[in-house]
Amino acid sequence: MELIFEIRDAEEGGFYARALGHAIFTDAETWDELRANILEAVSLHFEDSPEQPRLVQLHYVKDELIPIEAA
């Protein structure tokens, strides 16, 4: 099983992450801290489950709005 996390910039700084298809959420100030928090959250979420994920994919989404000025 592979878990995919959607990563976005947090409004207050840092990052937040959510697993697609599972109720796993976490956040962090730095990318390295986020990776560690995700691994810990996955471990806790699947603690009592016979099926464990073998791979975690981090999908970083960055939204950017570009205004188009009327001529």
C-alpha atoms as a PDB file:
ATOM      1  CA  MET A   1       0.000   0.000   0.000  1.00  0.00           C
ATOM      2  CA  GLU A   2       1.153   3.519  -0.801  1.00  0.00           C
ATOM      3  CA  LEU A   3      -0.052   6.587   1.079  1.00  0.00           C
ATOM      4  CA  ILE A   4      -0.194   9.933  -0.662  1.00  0.00           C
ATOM      5  CA  PHE A   5      -0.020  13.098   1.413  1.00  0.00           C
ATOM      6  CA  GLU A   6      -1.062  16.453   0.030  1.00  0.00           C
ATOM      7  CA  ILE A   7       1.279  19.117   1.398  1.00  0.00           C
ATOM      8  CA  ARG A   8       0.357  22.800   1.383  1.00  0.00           C
ATOM      9  CA  ASP A   9       1.825  25.972   2.822  1.00  0.00           C
ATOM     10  CA  ALA A  10       0.170  26.912   6.108  1.00  0.00           C
ATOM     11  CA  GLU A  11      -1.165  30.471   6.314  1.00  0.00           C
ATOM     12  CA  GLU A  12       0.737  31.113   9.539  1.00  0.00           C
ATOM     13  CA  GLY A  13       3.967  29.688   8.098  1.00  0.00           C
ATOM     14  CA  GLY A  14       5.300  26.195   7.758  1.00  0.00           C
ATOM     15  CA  PHE A  15       3.362  23.336   6.171  1.00  0.00           C
ATOM     16  CA  TYR A  16       0.334  21.154   6.742  1.00  0.00           C
ATOM     17  CA  ALA A  17      -0.282  17.694   5.379  1.00  0.00           C
ATOM     18  CA  ARG A  18      -3.256  15.403   4.918  1.00  0.00           C
ATOM     19  CA  ALA A  19      -3.367  11.834   3.695  1.00  0.00           C
ATOM     20  CA  LEU A  20      -5.657  11.196   0.756  1.00  0.00           C
ATOM     21  CA  GLY A  21      -8.232   8.552   1.678  1.00  0.00           C
ATOM     22  CA  HIS A  22      -7.268   8.366   5.358  1.00  0.00           C
ATOM     23  CA  ALA A  23      -7.922  10.568   8.386  1.00  0.00           C
ATOM     24  CA  ILE A  24      -4.274  11.476   8.935  1.00  0.00           C
ATOM     25  CA  PHE A  25      -3.326  15.138   9.371  1.00  0.00           C
ATOM     26  CA  THR A  26      -0.221  16.876  10.674  1.00  0.00           C
ATOM     27  CA  ASP A  27       1.734  20.115  10.387  1.00  0.00           C
ATOM     28  CA  ALA A  28       5.224  21.478  11.005  1.00  0.00           C
ATOM     29  CA  GLU A  29       7.401  24.553  10.695  1.00  0.00           C
ATOM     30  CA  THR A  30      10.080  22.943   8.492  1.00  0.00           C
ATOM     31  CA  TRP A  31      10.137  20.304   5.757  1.00  0.00           C
ATOM     32  CA  ASP A  32      12.315  17.940   7.815  1.00  0.00           C
ATOM     33  CA  GLU A  33      10.014  18.280  10.823  1.00  0.00           C
ATOM     34  CA  LEU A  34       7.012  17.629   8.557  1.00  0.00           C
ATOM     35  CA  ARG A  35       8.550  14.419   7.222  1.00  0.00           C
ATOM     36  CA  ALA A  36       9.184  13.187  10.768  1.00  0.00           C
ATOM     37  CA  ASN A  37       5.638  14.140  11.855  1.00  0.00           C
ATOM     38  CA  ILE A  38       4.131  12.326   8.871  1.00  0.00           C
ATOM     39  CA  LEU A  39       6.045   9.133   9.633  1.00  0.00           C
ATOM     40  CA  GLU A  40       4.964   9.304  13.275  1.00  0.00           C
ATOM     41  CA  ALA A  41       1.319   9.967  12.335  1.00  0.00           C
ATOM     42  CA  VAL A  42       1.305   7.056   9.865  1.00  0.00           C
ATOM     43  CA  SER A  43       2.838   4.755  12.462  1.00  0.00           C
ATOM     44  CA  LEU A  44       0.182   5.693  15.032  1.00  0.00           C
ATOM     45  CA  HIS A  45      -2.688   5.479  12.541  1.00  0.00           C
ATOM     46  CA  PHE A  46      -1.764   1.954  11.426  1.00  0.00           C
ATOM     47  CA  GLU A  47      -0.548   0.774  14.855  1.00  0.00           C
ATOM     48  CA  ASP A  48      -3.191  -1.948  15.233  1.00  0.00           C
ATOM     49  CA  SER A  49      -3.744  -2.626  11.544  1.00  0.00           C
ATOM     50  CA  PRO A  50      -2.512  -5.815   9.867  1.00  0.00           C
ATOM     51  CA  GLU A  51      -1.923  -3.870   6.647  1.00  0.00           C
ATOM     52  CA  GLN A  52       0.927  -1.367   6.819  1.00  0.00           C
ATOM     53  CA  PRO A  53       1.883   1.126   4.122  1.00  0.00           C
ATOM     54  CA  ARG A  54       5.193   0.450   2.385  1.00  0.00           C
ATOM     55  CA  LEU A  55       5.635   3.873   0.846  1.00  0.00           C
ATOM     56  CA  VAL A  56       4.612   7.450   1.609  1.00  0.00           C
ATOM     57  CA  GLN A  57       4.458   9.942  -1.239  1.00  0.00           C
ATOM     58  CA  LEU A  58       4.543  13.658  -0.453  1.00  0.00           C
ATOM     59  CA  HIS A  59       2.732  15.747  -3.041  1.00  0.00           C
ATOM     60  CA  TYR A  60       3.537  19.446  -2.506  1.00  0.00           C
ATOM     61  CA  VAL A  61       0.839  21.755  -3.853  1.00  0.00           C
ATOM     62  CA  LYS A  62       1.596  25.420  -4.212  1.00  0.00           C
ATOM     63  CA  ASP A  63      -1.242  27.699  -5.247  1.00  0.00           C
ATOM     64  CA  GLU A  64      -0.367  30.982  -6.881  1.00  0.00           C
ATOM     65  CA  LEU A  65      -2.771  33.617  -8.108  1.00  0.00           C
ATOM     66  CA  ILE A  66      -1.609  35.937 -10.846  1.00  0.00           C
ATOM     67  CA  PRO A  67      -3.847  38.948 -11.456  1.00  0.00           C
ATOM     68  CA  ILE A  68      -4.537  39.833 -15.061  1.00  0.00           C
ATOM     69  CA  GLU A  69      -4.938  43.532 -15.436  1.00  0.00           C
ATOM     70  CA  ALA A  70      -7.541  44.785 -17.866  1.00  0.00           C
ATOM     71  CA  ALA A  71      -6.055  46.796 -20.691  1.00  0.00           C
END
